[in-house]
């Protein structure tokens, strides 16, 4: 009799355990795994970047402009920048934090937050023909020479000029 009671008790325990597992499995719904969407720029790289792996923004039309910041200077790649849409890639090759601020012909904006040493940022702008001032708005960097004037849409296909303003004392 004792043997039948133990067997019956084990059978009931197994049935209850199985029912609990089935109920938990029905209530457990794992979130569906959805692969992340890949953007058009996920595989783009710039061959001149350290290691060749910096993302280059996609521009459906317009210009890509590289601006290099260091202590005391702003360098704009020697190229003609036509009026119209442009993506400006700002590279901080200095030892301090920097940023780029653009003023002129309907534009007054920064390239995001400050840019750490060895980092870069991008800013989308639409240029009109005219003169633009590029400068670093961090602390007194502008007064220390981190400013340049850029001519957009220079007539006769002449190259864009970019000159650094020397600090005045």
N, C-alpha and C. Protein backbone atom coordinates (compact mmCIF):
# COMPACT_ATOMS: atom_id res chain seq x y z
N UNK A 1 0.81 -1.18 0.00
CA UNK A 1 0.00 0.00 0.00
C UNK A 1 0.87 1.25 0.00
N UNK A 2 1.90 1.27 0.80
CA UNK A 2 2.80 2.40 0.89
C UNK A 2 3.48 2.64 -0.46
N UNK A 3 3.78 1.56 -1.16
CA UNK A 3 4.45 1.66 -2.44
C UNK A 3 3.53 2.32 -3.46
N UNK A 4 2.22 1.98 -3.44
CA UNK A 4 1.25 2.59 -4.35
C UNK A 4 1.05 4.07 -4.04
N UNK A 5 1.06 4.44 -2.79
CA UNK A 5 0.89 5.84 -2.40
C UNK A 5 2.06 6.69 -2.87
N UNK A 6 3.28 6.17 -2.74
CA UNK A 6 4.47 6.91 -3.19
C UNK A 6 4.45 7.04 -4.70
N UNK A 7 4.06 5.97 -5.40
CA UNK A 7 4.00 6.00 -6.86
C UNK A 7 2.95 7.01 -7.31
N UNK A 8 1.78 6.99 -6.65
CA UNK A 8 0.72 7.94 -6.97
C UNK A 8 1.17 9.37 -6.70
N UNK A 9 1.86 9.60 -5.59
CA UNK A 9 2.34 10.94 -5.24
C UNK A 9 3.36 11.42 -6.27
N UNK A 10 4.25 10.56 -6.72
CA UNK A 10 5.23 10.93 -7.75
C UNK A 10 4.54 11.24 -9.07
N UNK A 11 3.54 10.47 -9.43
CA UNK A 11 2.81 10.69 -10.69
C UNK A 11 2.11 12.05 -10.65
N UNK A 12 1.46 12.38 -9.53
CA UNK A 12 0.78 13.67 -9.39
C UNK A 12 1.80 14.81 -9.45
N UNK A 13 2.93 14.64 -8.79
CA UNK A 13 3.97 15.68 -8.80
C UNK A 13 4.48 15.92 -10.21
N UNK A 14 4.70 14.85 -11.00
CA UNK A 14 5.16 15.00 -12.38
C UNK A 14 4.13 15.71 -13.25
N UNK A 15 2.85 15.37 -13.06
CA UNK A 15 1.79 16.02 -13.83
C UNK A 15 1.74 17.50 -13.51
N UNK A 16 1.81 17.86 -12.24
CA UNK A 16 1.78 19.27 -11.83
C UNK A 16 3.02 20.02 -12.35
N UNK A 17 4.17 19.39 -12.26
CA UNK A 17 5.40 20.02 -12.74
C UNK A 17 5.31 20.26 -14.25
N UNK A 18 4.81 19.27 -14.98
CA UNK A 18 4.65 19.42 -16.43
C UNK A 18 3.67 20.53 -16.77
N UNK A 19 2.58 20.65 -16.01
CA UNK A 19 1.58 21.68 -16.25
C UNK A 19 2.16 23.06 -15.98
N UNK A 20 2.97 23.18 -14.95
CA UNK A 20 3.59 24.48 -14.63
C UNK A 20 4.54 24.91 -15.73
N UNK A 21 5.34 23.96 -16.23
CA UNK A 21 6.28 24.29 -17.30
C UNK A 21 5.54 24.70 -18.57
N UNK A 22 4.47 24.03 -18.90
CA UNK A 22 3.69 24.36 -20.09
C UNK A 22 3.07 25.75 -19.95
N UNK A 23 2.58 26.08 -18.74
CA UNK A 23 1.98 27.40 -18.52
C UNK A 23 3.03 28.49 -18.63
N UNK A 24 4.22 28.27 -18.06
CA UNK A 24 5.30 29.26 -18.15
C UNK A 24 5.76 29.45 -19.59
N UNK A 25 5.84 28.35 -20.36
CA UNK A 25 6.26 28.45 -21.74
C UNK A 25 5.26 29.25 -22.56
N UNK A 26 3.96 29.11 -22.26
CA UNK A 26 2.94 29.86 -22.98
C UNK A 26 3.01 31.34 -22.65
N UNK A 27 3.40 31.68 -21.42
CA UNK A 27 3.47 33.09 -21.00
C UNK A 27 4.78 33.75 -21.38
N UNK A 28 5.83 32.97 -21.59
CA UNK A 28 7.13 33.53 -21.97
C UNK A 28 7.11 33.84 -23.46
N UNK A 29 7.19 35.11 -23.77
CA UNK A 29 7.29 35.50 -25.17
C UNK A 29 8.56 36.31 -25.32
N UNK A 30 9.52 35.74 -25.99
CA UNK A 30 10.78 36.44 -26.22
C UNK A 30 10.55 37.51 -27.28
N UNK A 31 11.18 38.65 -27.12
CA UNK A 31 11.01 39.69 -28.14
C UNK A 31 11.58 39.21 -29.47
N UNK A 32 10.92 39.57 -30.52
CA UNK A 32 11.37 39.18 -31.85
C UNK A 32 12.69 39.89 -32.14
N UNK A 33 13.65 39.16 -32.65
CA UNK A 33 14.93 39.75 -33.00
C UNK A 33 14.82 40.32 -34.40
N UNK A 34 14.97 41.63 -34.48
CA UNK A 34 14.89 42.33 -35.75
C UNK A 34 16.27 42.85 -36.07
N UNK A 35 16.82 42.51 -37.21
CA UNK A 35 18.16 43.01 -37.52
C UNK A 35 18.13 44.53 -37.66
N UNK A 36 19.20 45.22 -37.20
CA UNK A 36 19.22 46.67 -37.32
C UNK A 36 19.22 47.09 -38.78
N UNK A 37 18.61 48.22 -39.04
CA UNK A 37 18.58 48.75 -40.39
C UNK A 37 19.97 49.29 -40.74
N UNK A 38 20.45 49.00 -41.91
CA UNK A 38 21.76 49.49 -42.33
C UNK A 38 21.55 50.75 -43.15
N UNK A 39 22.30 51.79 -42.78
CA UNK A 39 22.18 53.04 -43.53
C UNK A 39 23.12 52.99 -44.73
N UNK A 40 22.96 53.95 -45.59
CA UNK A 40 23.79 54.01 -46.79
C UNK A 40 25.24 54.31 -46.46
N UNK A 41 25.53 54.85 -45.27
CA UNK A 41 26.90 55.23 -44.92
C UNK A 41 27.58 54.23 -44.00
N UNK A 42 26.92 53.14 -43.62
CA UNK A 42 27.51 52.20 -42.67
C UNK A 42 28.81 51.58 -43.17
N UNK A 43 28.94 51.42 -44.47
CA UNK A 43 30.15 50.78 -44.97
C UNK A 43 31.10 51.78 -45.63
N UNK A 44 30.77 53.05 -45.60
CA UNK A 44 31.61 54.06 -46.25
C UNK A 44 32.81 54.38 -45.36
N UNK A 45 33.98 54.52 -45.98
CA UNK A 45 35.17 54.92 -45.24
C UNK A 45 35.91 55.99 -46.01
N UNK A 46 36.75 56.70 -45.31
CA UNK A 46 37.57 57.72 -45.92
C UNK A 46 39.01 57.21 -45.92
N UNK A 47 39.64 57.05 -47.09
CA UNK A 47 40.97 56.45 -47.13
C UNK A 47 42.03 57.27 -46.42
N UNK A 48 41.81 58.57 -46.23
CA UNK A 48 42.82 59.41 -45.58
C UNK A 48 42.71 59.40 -44.06
N UNK A 49 41.70 58.75 -43.53
CA UNK A 49 41.54 58.74 -42.07
C UNK A 49 42.48 57.73 -41.45
N UNK A 50 42.88 57.96 -40.18
CA UNK A 50 43.76 57.00 -39.53
C UNK A 50 43.11 55.62 -39.51
N UNK A 51 43.79 54.66 -40.05
CA UNK A 51 43.23 53.30 -40.11
C UNK A 51 42.24 53.12 -41.24
N UNK A 52 41.91 54.18 -41.96
CA UNK A 52 40.99 54.10 -43.09
C UNK A 52 39.58 53.72 -42.74
N UNK A 53 39.11 54.06 -41.52
CA UNK A 53 37.79 53.58 -41.12
C UNK A 53 36.87 54.67 -40.61
N UNK A 54 37.09 55.91 -40.96
CA UNK A 54 36.18 56.96 -40.53
C UNK A 54 34.98 57.00 -41.46
N UNK A 55 33.80 57.19 -40.90
CA UNK A 55 32.59 57.24 -41.72
C UNK A 55 32.55 58.55 -42.48
N UNK A 56 32.29 58.45 -43.77
CA UNK A 56 32.13 59.62 -44.62
C UNK A 56 30.65 59.76 -44.89
N UNK A 57 30.07 60.91 -44.57
CA UNK A 57 28.63 61.06 -44.74
C UNK A 57 28.22 60.98 -46.20
N UNK A 58 27.05 60.43 -46.43
CA UNK A 58 26.51 60.35 -47.78
C UNK A 58 25.87 61.68 -48.16
N UNK A 59 26.13 62.12 -49.34
CA UNK A 59 25.54 63.35 -49.83
C UNK A 59 24.90 63.01 -51.16
N UNK A 60 23.59 63.22 -51.25
CA UNK A 60 22.93 62.88 -52.50
C UNK A 60 23.35 63.84 -53.60
N UNK A 61 23.61 65.08 -53.25
CA UNK A 61 24.15 66.06 -54.19
C UNK A 61 24.88 67.11 -53.38
N UNK A 62 25.85 67.73 -53.98
CA UNK A 62 26.57 68.77 -53.27
C UNK A 62 28.02 68.42 -53.09
N UNK A 63 28.64 69.11 -52.14
CA UNK A 63 30.08 69.01 -51.92
C UNK A 63 30.39 68.36 -50.59
N UNK A 64 31.56 67.75 -50.52
CA UNK A 64 32.10 67.28 -49.25
C UNK A 64 33.34 68.11 -48.99
N UNK A 65 33.40 68.75 -47.83
CA UNK A 65 34.49 69.65 -47.50
C UNK A 65 35.17 69.14 -46.23
N UNK A 66 36.50 69.08 -46.24
CA UNK A 66 37.27 68.66 -45.07
C UNK A 66 37.87 69.91 -44.44
N UNK A 67 37.62 70.09 -43.13
CA UNK A 67 38.20 71.21 -42.37
C UNK A 67 39.02 70.60 -41.25
N UNK A 68 40.28 71.03 -41.14
CA UNK A 68 41.20 70.50 -40.13
C UNK A 68 41.46 71.57 -39.09
N UNK A 69 41.25 71.21 -37.80
CA UNK A 69 41.48 72.13 -36.69
C UNK A 69 42.72 71.70 -35.92
N UNK A 70 43.58 72.66 -35.61
CA UNK A 70 44.72 72.44 -34.72
C UNK A 70 44.85 73.68 -33.85
N UNK A 71 45.77 73.66 -32.92
CA UNK A 71 45.97 74.84 -32.08
C UNK A 71 46.48 75.99 -32.96
N UNK A 72 45.70 77.07 -32.99
CA UNK A 72 46.11 78.27 -33.71
C UNK A 72 45.79 78.31 -35.18
N UNK A 73 45.12 77.28 -35.74
CA UNK A 73 44.81 77.35 -37.17
C UNK A 73 43.60 76.51 -37.54
N UNK A 74 43.00 76.91 -38.65
CA UNK A 74 41.91 76.16 -39.27
C UNK A 74 42.31 76.00 -40.73
N UNK A 75 42.34 74.78 -41.21
CA UNK A 75 42.69 74.53 -42.60
C UNK A 75 41.51 73.98 -43.36
N UNK A 76 41.22 74.58 -44.52
CA UNK A 76 40.16 74.10 -45.40
C UNK A 76 40.86 73.51 -46.60
N UNK A 77 40.48 72.27 -46.95
CA UNK A 77 41.10 71.60 -48.09
C UNK A 77 41.10 72.53 -49.29
N UNK A 78 42.22 72.56 -50.01
CA UNK A 78 42.34 73.43 -51.18
C UNK A 78 41.44 72.97 -52.30
N UNK A 79 40.22 73.46 -52.30
CA UNK A 79 39.24 73.06 -53.30
C UNK A 79 38.26 74.19 -53.53
N UNK A 80 37.58 74.13 -54.64
CA UNK A 80 36.53 75.10 -54.91
C UNK A 80 35.25 74.59 -54.27
N UNK A 81 34.61 75.43 -53.49
CA UNK A 81 33.36 75.05 -52.85
C UNK A 81 32.26 75.84 -53.56
N UNK A 82 31.43 75.14 -54.32
CA UNK A 82 30.37 75.84 -55.04
C UNK A 82 29.18 76.12 -54.12
N UNK A 83 28.33 77.06 -54.51
CA UNK A 83 27.09 77.27 -53.75
C UNK A 83 26.26 75.99 -53.80
N UNK A 84 25.44 75.79 -52.77
CA UNK A 84 24.58 74.62 -52.71
C UNK A 84 24.86 73.79 -51.47
N UNK A 85 24.25 72.59 -51.41
CA UNK A 85 24.41 71.75 -50.22
C UNK A 85 25.83 71.23 -50.09
N UNK A 86 26.27 71.10 -48.84
CA UNK A 86 27.61 70.57 -48.56
C UNK A 86 27.60 69.87 -47.22
N UNK A 87 28.43 68.86 -47.11
CA UNK A 87 28.68 68.20 -45.83
C UNK A 87 30.11 68.54 -45.45
N UNK A 88 30.26 69.17 -44.30
CA UNK A 88 31.58 69.55 -43.83
C UNK A 88 32.01 68.55 -42.77
N UNK A 89 33.14 67.89 -43.02
CA UNK A 89 33.73 66.99 -42.05
C UNK A 89 34.82 67.76 -41.33
N UNK A 90 34.68 67.88 -40.01
CA UNK A 90 35.61 68.66 -39.21
C UNK A 90 36.49 67.69 -38.42
N UNK A 91 37.79 67.74 -38.67
CA UNK A 91 38.74 66.86 -37.99
C UNK A 91 39.56 67.65 -36.99
N UNK A 92 39.60 67.19 -35.73
CA UNK A 92 40.43 67.83 -34.71
C UNK A 92 41.76 67.09 -34.66
N UNK A 93 42.79 67.70 -35.23
CA UNK A 93 44.12 67.10 -35.21
C UNK A 93 45.01 67.77 -34.16
N UNK A 94 44.39 68.57 -33.30
CA UNK A 94 45.13 69.24 -32.24
C UNK A 94 45.17 68.43 -30.97
N UNK A 95 45.70 69.03 -29.92
CA UNK A 95 45.82 68.37 -28.62
C UNK A 95 44.73 68.83 -27.66
N UNK A 96 43.96 69.85 -28.04
CA UNK A 96 42.89 70.39 -27.20
C UNK A 96 41.54 70.12 -27.87
N UNK A 97 40.44 70.33 -27.12
CA UNK A 97 39.12 70.25 -27.75
C UNK A 97 38.93 71.47 -28.64
N UNK A 98 38.22 71.28 -29.72
CA UNK A 98 37.92 72.35 -30.67
C UNK A 98 36.49 72.19 -31.15
N UNK A 99 36.06 73.11 -31.99
CA UNK A 99 34.78 73.03 -32.67
C UNK A 99 34.87 73.94 -33.89
N UNK A 100 33.89 73.87 -34.74
CA UNK A 100 33.84 74.76 -35.90
C UNK A 100 32.52 75.48 -35.88
N UNK A 101 32.57 76.79 -36.03
CA UNK A 101 31.37 77.61 -36.15
C UNK A 101 31.44 78.27 -37.51
N UNK A 102 30.30 78.28 -38.21
CA UNK A 102 30.23 78.85 -39.56
C UNK A 102 29.25 80.01 -39.54
N UNK A 103 29.70 81.17 -40.04
CA UNK A 103 28.84 82.35 -40.14
C UNK A 103 28.92 82.92 -41.54
N UNK A 104 27.77 83.33 -42.07
CA UNK A 104 27.72 84.01 -43.36
C UNK A 104 26.48 83.62 -44.13
N UNK A 105 26.03 84.50 -45.01
CA UNK A 105 24.92 84.28 -45.96
C UNK A 105 23.87 83.27 -45.48
N UNK A 106 23.22 83.58 -44.37
CA UNK A 106 22.11 82.75 -43.88
C UNK A 106 22.52 81.56 -43.03
N UNK A 107 23.80 81.43 -42.70
CA UNK A 107 24.27 80.32 -41.86
C UNK A 107 24.91 80.89 -40.60
N UNK A 108 24.52 80.34 -39.47
CA UNK A 108 25.13 80.68 -38.19
C UNK A 108 24.98 79.44 -37.31
N UNK A 109 25.95 78.51 -37.44
CA UNK A 109 25.81 77.25 -36.70
C UNK A 109 27.14 76.58 -36.44
N UNK A 110 27.14 75.76 -35.39
CA UNK A 110 28.32 74.99 -35.01
C UNK A 110 28.21 73.57 -35.52
N UNK A 111 29.34 72.90 -35.53
CA UNK A 111 29.39 71.49 -35.94
C UNK A 111 29.13 70.61 -34.72
N UNK A 112 28.02 70.82 -34.04
CA UNK A 112 27.67 70.01 -32.87
C UNK A 112 28.39 70.48 -31.63
N UNK A 113 28.66 69.52 -30.74
CA UNK A 113 29.37 69.81 -29.50
C UNK A 113 30.87 69.91 -29.77
N UNK A 114 31.64 70.18 -28.72
CA UNK A 114 33.08 70.25 -28.89
C UNK A 114 33.60 68.91 -29.41
N UNK A 115 34.71 68.98 -30.13
CA UNK A 115 35.29 67.81 -30.77
C UNK A 115 36.59 67.48 -30.04
N UNK A 116 36.67 66.29 -29.48
CA UNK A 116 37.84 65.87 -28.72
C UNK A 116 39.05 65.65 -29.63
N UNK A 117 40.23 65.67 -29.04
CA UNK A 117 41.48 65.41 -29.75
C UNK A 117 41.38 64.10 -30.53
N UNK A 118 41.72 64.16 -31.82
CA UNK A 118 41.70 62.96 -32.65
C UNK A 118 40.32 62.56 -33.15
N UNK A 119 39.29 63.33 -32.84
CA UNK A 119 37.93 62.99 -33.26
C UNK A 119 37.48 63.89 -34.41
N UNK A 120 36.30 63.59 -34.94
CA UNK A 120 35.74 64.40 -36.01
C UNK A 120 34.24 64.52 -35.84
N UNK A 121 33.67 65.46 -36.57
CA UNK A 121 32.24 65.71 -36.55
C UNK A 121 31.84 66.17 -37.94
N UNK A 122 30.55 66.11 -38.24
CA UNK A 122 30.08 66.61 -39.53
C UNK A 122 28.95 67.61 -39.31
N UNK A 123 28.80 68.48 -40.27
CA UNK A 123 27.70 69.46 -40.25
C UNK A 123 27.23 69.64 -41.69
N UNK A 124 25.92 69.60 -41.88
CA UNK A 124 25.31 69.82 -43.20
C UNK A 124 24.94 71.29 -43.32
N UNK A 125 25.32 71.90 -44.43
CA UNK A 125 24.97 73.31 -44.67
C UNK A 125 24.58 73.48 -46.13
N UNK A 126 23.93 74.57 -46.42
CA UNK A 126 23.65 74.95 -47.80
C UNK A 126 24.25 76.34 -48.01
N UNK A 127 25.31 76.38 -48.80
CA UNK A 127 26.02 77.64 -49.04
C UNK A 127 25.37 78.44 -50.15
N UNK A 128 25.41 79.75 -49.98
CA UNK A 128 25.09 80.69 -51.05
C UNK A 128 26.40 81.34 -51.45
N UNK A 129 26.44 81.97 -52.61
CA UNK A 129 27.67 82.64 -53.02
C UNK A 129 27.97 83.74 -52.02
N UNK A 130 29.22 83.85 -51.62
CA UNK A 130 29.61 84.90 -50.69
C UNK A 130 30.79 84.48 -49.82
N UNK A 131 31.05 85.30 -48.82
CA UNK A 131 32.16 85.06 -47.90
C UNK A 131 31.63 84.50 -46.59
N UNK A 132 32.25 83.44 -46.12
CA UNK A 132 31.87 82.80 -44.87
C UNK A 132 33.06 82.83 -43.92
N UNK A 133 32.77 82.96 -42.65
CA UNK A 133 33.80 82.92 -41.62
C UNK A 133 33.69 81.59 -40.90
N UNK A 134 34.78 80.84 -40.86
CA UNK A 134 34.88 79.60 -40.11
C UNK A 134 35.78 79.91 -38.91
N UNK A 135 35.33 79.58 -37.71
CA UNK A 135 36.18 79.81 -36.54
C UNK A 135 35.88 78.80 -35.44
N UNK A 136 36.82 78.72 -34.49
CA UNK A 136 36.65 77.85 -33.34
C UNK A 136 36.07 78.68 -32.20
N UNK A 137 34.87 78.32 -31.70
CA UNK A 137 34.23 79.10 -30.64
C UNK A 137 34.66 78.70 -29.22
N UNK A 138 35.59 77.77 -29.10
CA UNK A 138 36.01 77.29 -27.78
C UNK A 138 36.94 78.33 -27.13
N UNK A 139 36.63 78.69 -25.89
CA UNK A 139 37.43 79.64 -25.10
C UNK A 139 37.89 80.81 -25.95
N UNK A 140 39.20 81.08 -25.98
CA UNK A 140 39.73 82.22 -26.76
C UNK A 140 40.43 81.74 -28.03
N UNK A 141 40.06 80.58 -28.55
CA UNK A 141 40.73 80.02 -29.72
C UNK A 141 40.62 80.93 -30.94
N UNK A 142 39.50 81.60 -31.09
CA UNK A 142 39.33 82.49 -32.24
C UNK A 142 40.36 83.62 -32.19
N UNK A 143 40.54 84.20 -31.01
CA UNK A 143 41.50 85.29 -30.86
C UNK A 143 42.95 84.80 -31.05
N UNK A 144 43.17 83.51 -30.85
CA UNK A 144 44.51 82.94 -31.01
C UNK A 144 44.79 82.52 -32.45
N UNK A 145 43.90 82.84 -33.37
CA UNK A 145 44.15 82.59 -34.79
C UNK A 145 43.32 81.50 -35.43
N UNK A 146 42.41 80.91 -34.68
CA UNK A 146 41.59 79.84 -35.26
C UNK A 146 40.35 80.44 -35.94
N UNK A 147 40.62 81.13 -37.03
CA UNK A 147 39.58 81.76 -37.85
C UNK A 147 40.07 81.81 -39.27
N UNK A 148 39.16 81.60 -40.21
CA UNK A 148 39.49 81.71 -41.62
C UNK A 148 38.28 82.20 -42.40
N UNK A 149 38.53 82.90 -43.49
CA UNK A 149 37.47 83.36 -44.40
C UNK A 149 37.47 82.46 -45.62
N UNK A 150 36.28 82.05 -46.05
CA UNK A 150 36.15 81.15 -47.19
C UNK A 150 35.20 81.80 -48.19
N UNK A 151 35.64 81.88 -49.44
CA UNK A 151 34.82 82.40 -50.53
C UNK A 151 34.10 81.24 -51.19
N UNK A 152 32.77 81.32 -51.23
CA UNK A 152 31.95 80.28 -51.86
C UNK A 152 31.50 80.79 -53.23
N UNK A 153 31.64 79.92 -54.23
CA UNK A 153 31.20 80.28 -55.57
C UNK A 153 32.05 81.36 -56.18
N UNK A 154 33.37 81.24 -56.02
CA UNK A 154 34.30 82.22 -56.57
C UNK A 154 34.11 82.28 -58.09
N UNK A 155 33.95 83.47 -58.65
CA UNK A 155 33.75 83.59 -60.10
C UNK A 155 34.95 83.04 -60.89
N UNK A 156 34.72 82.71 -62.14
CA UNK A 156 35.73 82.25 -63.10
C UNK A 156 36.39 80.94 -62.71
N UNK A 157 35.77 80.16 -61.85
CA UNK A 157 36.32 78.86 -61.49
C UNK A 157 37.61 78.93 -60.70
N UNK A 158 37.94 80.11 -60.17
CA UNK A 158 39.15 80.24 -59.36
C UNK A 158 38.99 79.42 -58.09
N UNK A 159 40.08 78.92 -57.54
CA UNK A 159 39.97 78.12 -56.32
C UNK A 159 39.46 78.94 -55.14
N UNK A 160 38.79 78.25 -54.25
CA UNK A 160 38.29 78.89 -53.04
C UNK A 160 39.47 79.37 -52.22
N UNK A 161 39.36 80.54 -51.66
CA UNK A 161 40.45 81.04 -50.83
C UNK A 161 40.09 80.84 -49.38
N UNK A 162 41.08 80.46 -48.61
CA UNK A 162 40.91 80.32 -47.18
C UNK A 162 42.17 80.86 -46.54
N UNK A 163 42.04 81.94 -45.80
CA UNK A 163 43.19 82.53 -45.15
C UNK A 163 42.96 82.58 -43.66
N UNK A 164 44.01 82.28 -42.92
CA UNK A 164 43.92 82.32 -41.47
C UNK A 164 44.27 83.72 -41.01
N UNK A 165 43.45 84.27 -40.14
CA UNK A 165 43.68 85.59 -39.60
C UNK A 165 44.66 85.48 -38.44
N UNK A 166 45.75 86.19 -38.52
CA UNK A 166 46.74 86.17 -37.44
C UNK A 166 46.19 86.97 -36.26
N UNK A 167 46.51 86.53 -35.06
CA UNK A 167 46.03 87.26 -33.87
C UNK A 167 46.67 88.64 -33.79
N UNK A 168 45.92 89.58 -33.31
CA UNK A 168 46.46 90.92 -33.12
C UNK A 168 46.77 91.12 -31.65
N UNK A 169 47.86 91.79 -31.40
CA UNK A 169 48.25 92.02 -30.01
C UNK A 169 48.24 93.46 -29.66
